[in-house]
């Protein structure tokens, strides 16, 4: 009975040792076999792997592309217009042995701190290079700047066993203390542009108004000229008619003109005239007669 118990214990111990010597490497990770802190094997292929129980242990590292958000930093482009830049990077562990040797047991946390220490100087160096202005950083040309930052950061990250896959600028803002001044300058520029637009509009309105006034003057002048011509022609025709009538019967014409003069002079309810009764004005009212063949006679005096 005791022998069977010892055998079962032995089998159990052997099974436990065998199981503790086997580990599985996932396709999304890499593994290091360590013995007393020293690297004994690198397991990069997925599947079963072995280690010495109790003596060796396994450290696993993510083999996928990882993300790192950097802290916002201030950069000064060549036009001395300071900007606050917030970036992020994509990286992966390319050499797990070198990675372990570089960062030790601290792992990803220490690696990201050191990677951020690499990225920030490269961002400042590239964005502050000669010829790079704030307009360049804020325009579509920033893509070439991000490629340059990635290349420089990748060269230095190789020492950590890392590969920098991509670097992107998330936000590019002005420092808080510069916002008010920038907004005031933008407001002043917009007000100046608005004043220029209004001035151009007023100038155009004055041109249109002047052209309209000129057209009015020309039309009125032309109408007056034509009316004067028409009036002159009518007066000429009227005078010709009067002249013809005068030539046909001078006494009747004189009688007609006198009646017209009476009609114009003696108007209203209180017309008063101080004039000699013997005046020629009363020629047809003082008893005289027209002696021509007109057939007009003054009333006989009593």
Protein backbone atom coordinates (compact mmCIF):
# COMPACT_ATOMS: atom_id res chain seq x y z
CA UNK A 1 0.00 0.00 0.00
CA UNK A 2 2.81 2.36 0.92
CA UNK A 3 4.62 1.48 -2.28
CA UNK A 4 1.58 2.42 -4.34
CA UNK A 5 1.24 5.71 -2.49
CA UNK A 6 4.90 6.51 -3.07
CA UNK A 7 4.48 5.61 -6.71
CA UNK A 8 1.51 7.92 -7.08
CA UNK A 9 3.41 10.72 -5.39
CA UNK A 10 6.37 10.13 -7.65
CA UNK A 11 4.15 10.14 -10.74
CA UNK A 12 2.51 13.34 -9.53
CA UNK A 13 5.87 15.01 -8.96
CA UNK A 14 7.16 13.87 -12.32
CA UNK A 15 4.01 15.20 -14.02
CA UNK A 16 4.30 18.49 -12.17
CA UNK A 17 7.93 18.84 -13.21
CA UNK A 18 7.11 18.02 -16.81
CA UNK A 19 4.22 20.48 -16.88
CA UNK A 20 6.31 23.21 -15.30
CA UNK A 21 8.96 22.68 -17.96
CA UNK A 22 6.49 23.26 -20.78
CA UNK A 23 5.11 26.65 -21.81
CA UNK A 24 3.21 27.95 -24.82
CA UNK A 25 4.31 30.90 -26.92
CA UNK A 26 1.31 32.79 -28.35
CA UNK A 27 1.48 34.09 -31.92
CA UNK A 28 1.00 37.63 -30.58
CA UNK A 29 4.04 37.54 -28.31
CA UNK A 30 7.70 36.72 -27.91
CA UNK A 31 9.28 35.01 -24.93
CA UNK A 32 12.64 34.92 -23.18
CA UNK A 33 13.85 32.03 -21.09
CA UNK A 34 15.81 33.46 -18.15
CA UNK A 35 18.06 31.69 -15.72
CA UNK A 36 19.01 33.73 -12.66
CA UNK A 37 18.26 36.90 -14.66
CA UNK A 38 20.40 35.85 -17.62
CA UNK A 39 18.93 35.18 -21.07
CA UNK A 40 19.21 31.52 -21.99
CA UNK A 41 16.84 31.29 -24.95
CA UNK A 42 14.68 33.43 -27.19
CA UNK A 43 11.34 32.00 -28.28
CA UNK A 44 9.81 33.96 -31.18
CA UNK A 45 7.90 31.23 -33.00
CA UNK A 46 4.45 30.34 -31.68
CA UNK A 47 3.94 26.87 -30.16
CA UNK A 48 5.29 24.71 -27.35
CA UNK A 49 8.65 25.47 -25.74
CA UNK A 50 10.60 24.04 -22.84
CA UNK A 51 12.56 25.32 -19.88
CA UNK A 52 14.23 23.88 -16.84
CA UNK A 53 11.76 23.82 -13.94
CA UNK A 54 12.48 25.86 -10.84
CA UNK A 55 15.71 27.19 -12.31
CA UNK A 56 14.49 28.98 -15.40
CA UNK A 57 11.55 31.32 -15.82
CA UNK A 58 9.80 32.88 -18.84
CA UNK A 59 9.31 36.58 -19.62
CA UNK A 60 6.70 37.39 -22.27
CA UNK A 61 6.63 40.51 -24.46
CA UNK A 62 3.90 41.76 -26.79
CA UNK A 63 4.85 41.33 -30.44
CA UNK A 64 2.04 43.58 -31.74
CA UNK A 65 2.29 47.25 -32.73
CA UNK A 66 2.00 49.35 -29.58
CA UNK A 67 0.95 52.97 -29.11
CA UNK A 68 2.62 55.74 -27.14
CA UNK A 69 1.09 59.17 -26.51
CA UNK A 70 3.79 61.73 -25.83
CA UNK A 71 3.44 64.66 -23.47
CA UNK A 72 2.64 68.03 -25.05
CA UNK A 73 5.78 70.07 -25.64
CA UNK A 74 6.50 73.59 -26.90
CA UNK A 75 8.43 74.04 -30.14
CA UNK A 76 9.71 77.21 -31.76
CA UNK A 77 9.70 77.18 -35.59
CA UNK A 78 11.95 79.44 -37.62
CA UNK A 79 9.39 82.27 -37.59
CA UNK A 80 9.60 82.40 -33.75
CA UNK A 81 5.92 81.64 -33.35
CA UNK A 82 5.77 79.14 -30.50
CA UNK A 83 3.48 76.14 -30.79
CA UNK A 84 2.35 73.42 -28.39
CA UNK A 85 2.64 70.02 -30.11
CA UNK A 86 0.95 66.82 -28.97
CA UNK A 87 2.12 63.68 -30.79
CA UNK A 88 1.79 59.91 -30.65
CA UNK A 89 3.94 57.08 -31.96
CA UNK A 90 3.39 53.49 -33.09
CA UNK A 91 6.19 51.05 -32.29
CA UNK A 92 6.92 47.37 -31.80
CA UNK A 93 9.58 45.23 -30.16
CA UNK A 94 11.81 44.03 -32.99
CA UNK A 95 14.72 42.54 -31.01
CA UNK A 96 13.46 41.07 -27.75
CA UNK A 97 16.97 40.19 -26.50
CA UNK A 98 18.25 43.73 -26.99
CA UNK A 99 15.05 45.08 -25.49
CA UNK A 100 15.58 43.06 -22.31
CA UNK A 101 19.20 44.07 -22.08
CA UNK A 102 18.30 47.75 -22.55
CA UNK A 103 15.40 48.12 -20.13
CA UNK A 104 15.89 45.17 -17.78
CA UNK A 105 13.00 43.86 -15.72
CA UNK A 106 11.08 47.19 -15.89
CA UNK A 107 9.74 46.18 -19.30
CA UNK A 108 7.34 48.29 -21.38
CA UNK A 109 6.96 51.09 -18.85
CA UNK A 110 10.68 51.86 -18.82
CA UNK A 111 10.88 51.44 -22.60
CA UNK A 112 8.12 53.98 -23.22
CA UNK A 113 9.78 56.51 -20.93
CA UNK A 114 13.03 56.15 -22.84
CA UNK A 115 11.22 56.21 -26.19
CA UNK A 116 9.48 59.44 -25.22
CA UNK A 117 12.90 60.83 -24.29
CA UNK A 118 13.93 60.02 -27.87
CA UNK A 119 10.81 61.38 -29.59
CA UNK A 120 10.56 64.79 -27.91
CA UNK A 121 14.08 65.98 -28.90
CA UNK A 122 13.50 64.81 -32.47
CA UNK A 123 10.18 66.66 -32.64
CA UNK A 124 11.86 69.85 -31.42
CA UNK A 125 14.80 69.38 -33.81
CA UNK A 126 12.68 68.78 -36.92
CA UNK A 127 9.97 71.39 -36.23
CA UNK A 128 12.54 73.97 -35.18
CA UNK A 129 14.82 73.42 -38.19
CA UNK A 130 15.68 76.30 -40.50
CA UNK A 131 13.01 76.93 -43.10
CA UNK A 132 10.25 75.23 -41.10
CA UNK A 133 7.64 77.84 -40.19
CA UNK A 134 4.43 77.57 -38.21
CA UNK A 135 2.51 77.71 -41.50
CA UNK A 136 4.46 74.69 -42.73
CA UNK A 137 3.63 72.75 -39.56
CA UNK A 138 -0.06 73.63 -39.87
CA UNK A 139 -0.27 72.84 -43.60
CA UNK A 140 -0.32 69.60 -45.57
CA UNK A 141 3.51 69.71 -45.69
CA UNK A 142 3.57 68.47 -42.10
CA UNK A 143 3.41 64.88 -43.41
CA UNK A 144 7.01 65.12 -44.62
CA UNK A 145 8.01 66.50 -41.22
CA UNK A 146 6.38 63.53 -39.47
CA UNK A 147 8.27 61.12 -41.74
CA UNK A 148 11.52 62.86 -40.83
CA UNK A 149 10.72 62.65 -37.11
CA UNK A 150 9.96 58.93 -37.44
CA UNK A 151 13.22 58.23 -39.27
CA UNK A 152 15.35 60.04 -36.69
CA UNK A 153 13.50 58.47 -33.76
CA UNK A 154 13.73 55.00 -35.32
CA UNK A 155 17.51 55.27 -35.66
CA UNK A 156 17.88 55.91 -31.92
CA UNK A 157 15.18 53.46 -30.86
CA UNK A 158 17.06 50.57 -32.49
CA UNK A 159 19.39 50.60 -29.49
CA UNK A 160 16.38 49.66 -27.35
CA UNK A 161 15.38 46.83 -29.66
CA UNK A 162 12.40 48.87 -30.88
CA UNK A 163 11.17 49.82 -34.33
CA UNK A 164 9.25 53.09 -34.66
CA UNK A 165 6.52 52.36 -37.19
CA UNK A 166 4.84 55.77 -37.33
CA UNK A 167 4.78 59.21 -35.71
CA UNK A 168 1.81 61.57 -35.93
CA UNK A 169 1.17 65.08 -34.69
CA UNK A 170 -2.25 64.97 -33.02
CA UNK A 171 -2.66 68.62 -32.10
CA UNK A 172 -0.75 71.79 -32.84
CA UNK A 173 -1.94 74.74 -30.77
CA UNK A 174 -0.69 78.09 -29.62
CA UNK A 175 0.44 78.49 -26.01
CA UNK A 176 -2.29 79.80 -23.73
CA UNK A 177 -0.48 83.09 -23.10
CA UNK A 178 -0.32 83.76 -26.85
CA UNK A 179 -3.94 83.00 -27.67
CA UNK A 180 -5.33 86.42 -26.72
CA UNK A 181 -2.69 88.26 -28.71
CA UNK A 182 -3.22 85.96 -31.68
CA UNK A 183 -7.00 86.37 -31.54
CA UNK A 184 -6.59 90.16 -31.33
CA UNK A 185 -4.29 90.13 -34.34
CA UNK A 186 -6.68 87.91 -36.29
CA UNK A 187 -9.60 90.16 -35.32
CA UNK A 188 -7.66 93.26 -36.43
CA UNK A 189 -6.80 91.59 -39.74
CA UNK A 190 -10.44 90.64 -40.33
CA UNK A 191 -11.57 94.17 -39.46
CA UNK A 192 -9.00 95.61 -41.87
CA UNK A 193 -10.16 93.25 -44.60
CA UNK A 194 -13.78 94.20 -43.88
CA UNK A 195 -12.88 97.91 -44.05
CA UNK A 196 -11.11 97.32 -47.38
CA UNK A 197 -14.15 95.48 -48.72
CA UNK A 198 -16.46 98.28 -47.58
CA UNK A 199 -14.17 100.90 -49.14
CA UNK A 200 -14.14 98.99 -52.43
CA UNK A 201 -17.92 98.69 -52.24
CA UNK A 202 -18.31 102.42 -51.59
CA UNK A 203 -15.97 103.18 -54.49
CA UNK A 204 -18.00 100.94 -56.79
CA UNK A 205 -21.24 102.52 -55.54
CA UNK A 206 -19.86 106.01 -56.21
CA UNK A 207 -18.90 105.00 -59.74
CA UNK A 208 -22.35 103.55 -60.37
CA UNK A 209 -24.04 106.58 -58.80
CA UNK A 210 -21.90 109.00 -60.81
CA UNK A 211 -22.63 107.11 -64.00
CA UNK A 212 -26.36 107.15 -63.18
CA UNK A 213 -26.27 110.90 -62.43
CA UNK A 214 -24.43 111.51 -65.67
CA UNK A 215 -26.99 109.45 -67.55
CA UNK A 216 -29.82 111.41 -65.90
CA UNK A 217 -28.22 114.73 -66.82
CA UNK A 218 -27.67 113.58 -70.39
CA UNK A 219 -31.25 112.32 -70.71
CA UNK A 220 -32.74 115.47 -69.15
CA UNK A 221 -30.54 117.68 -71.32
CA UNK A 222 -31.50 115.77 -74.41
CA UNK A 223 -35.20 115.94 -73.48
CA UNK A 224 -34.97 119.66 -72.81
CA UNK A 225 -33.16 120.23 -76.08
CA UNK A 226 -35.82 118.30 -77.95
CA UNK A 227 -38.60 120.12 -76.07
CA UNK A 228 -37.01 123.49 -76.86
CA UNK A 229 -36.74 122.49 -80.50
CA UNK A 230 -40.37 121.38 -80.51
CA UNK A 231 -41.48 124.54 -78.68
CA UNK A 232 -39.51 126.70 -81.10
CA UNK A 233 -41.03 124.92 -84.05
CA UNK A 234 -44.51 125.36 -82.51
CA UNK A 235 -43.87 129.04 -81.82
CA UNK A 236 -42.66 129.49 -85.35
CA UNK A 237 -45.76 127.75 -86.67
CA UNK A 238 -47.99 129.85 -84.38
CA UNK A 239 -46.30 133.05 -85.48
CA UNK A 240 -46.70 131.99 -89.08
CA UNK A 241 -50.42 131.42 -88.48
CA UNK A 242 -50.75 134.83 -86.78
CA UNK A 243 -48.81 136.47 -89.56
CA UNK A 244 -51.01 134.80 -92.14
CA UNK A 245 -54.14 135.87 -90.25
CA UNK A 246 -52.84 139.42 -89.87
CA UNK A 247 -52.11 139.55 -93.55
CA UNK A 248 -55.62 138.32 -94.41
CA UNK A 249 -57.56 140.89 -92.31
CA UNK A 250 -55.57 143.37 -90.30
CA UNK A 251 -58.64 144.96 -88.63
CA UNK A 252 -60.03 141.65 -87.43
CA UNK A 253 -56.60 140.57 -86.19
CA UNK A 254 -56.25 143.83 -84.26
CA UNK A 255 -59.76 143.39 -82.83
CA UNK A 256 -58.90 139.78 -81.74
CA UNK A 257 -55.69 140.86 -80.09
CA UNK A 258 -57.53 143.61 -78.21
CA UNK A 259 -60.12 141.16 -76.90
CA UNK A 260 -57.35 138.86 -75.79
CA UNK A 261 -55.71 141.76 -73.97
CA UNK A 262 -59.04 142.63 -72.27
CA UNK A 263 -59.48 139.03 -71.17
CA UNK A 264 -56.02 138.85 -69.65
CA UNK A 265 -56.16 142.31 -68.03
CA UNK A 266 -59.69 142.29 -66.62
CA UNK A 267 -59.75 139.18 -64.41
CA UNK A 268 -60.81 138.43 -60.88
CA UNK A 269 -63.54 139.91 -58.66
CA UNK A 270 -61.72 143.10 -57.72
CA UNK A 271 -59.75 144.19 -60.77
CA UNK A 272 -58.92 147.86 -60.75
CA UNK A 273 -57.11 149.73 -63.49
CA UNK A 274 -56.16 153.41 -63.49
CA UNK A 275 -55.85 154.48 -67.12
CA UNK A 276 -57.03 157.32 -69.35
CA UNK A 277 -60.37 156.66 -71.11
CA UNK A 278 -58.88 158.02 -74.29
CA UNK A 279 -56.17 155.40 -74.28
CA UNK A 280 -55.78 153.19 -77.30
CA UNK A 281 -56.37 150.27 -74.96
CA UNK A 282 -60.11 151.12 -74.98
CA UNK A 283 -60.26 151.66 -78.71
CA UNK A 284 -63.05 149.11 -79.14
CA UNK A 285 -64.92 150.20 -75.99
CA UNK A 286 -65.15 154.02 -76.42
CA UNK A 287 -67.65 154.09 -79.34
CA UNK A 288 -65.22 153.96 -82.26
CA UNK A 289 -65.92 151.58 -85.14
CA UNK A 290 -63.83 149.44 -87.33
CA UNK A 291 -64.18 150.83 -90.78
CA UNK A 292 -62.54 148.08 -92.77
CA UNK A 293 -64.35 145.31 -94.51
CA UNK A 294 -64.26 143.13 -91.42
CA UNK A 295 -67.91 143.88 -90.64
CA UNK A 296 -67.12 144.72 -86.99
CA UNK A 297 -68.75 147.82 -85.55
CA UNK A 298 -68.63 149.33 -82.14
CA UNK A 299 -71.93 149.90 -80.33
CA UNK A 300 -73.62 153.20 -81.15
CA UNK A 301 -73.44 155.80 -78.46
CA UNK A 302 -76.71 157.05 -77.04
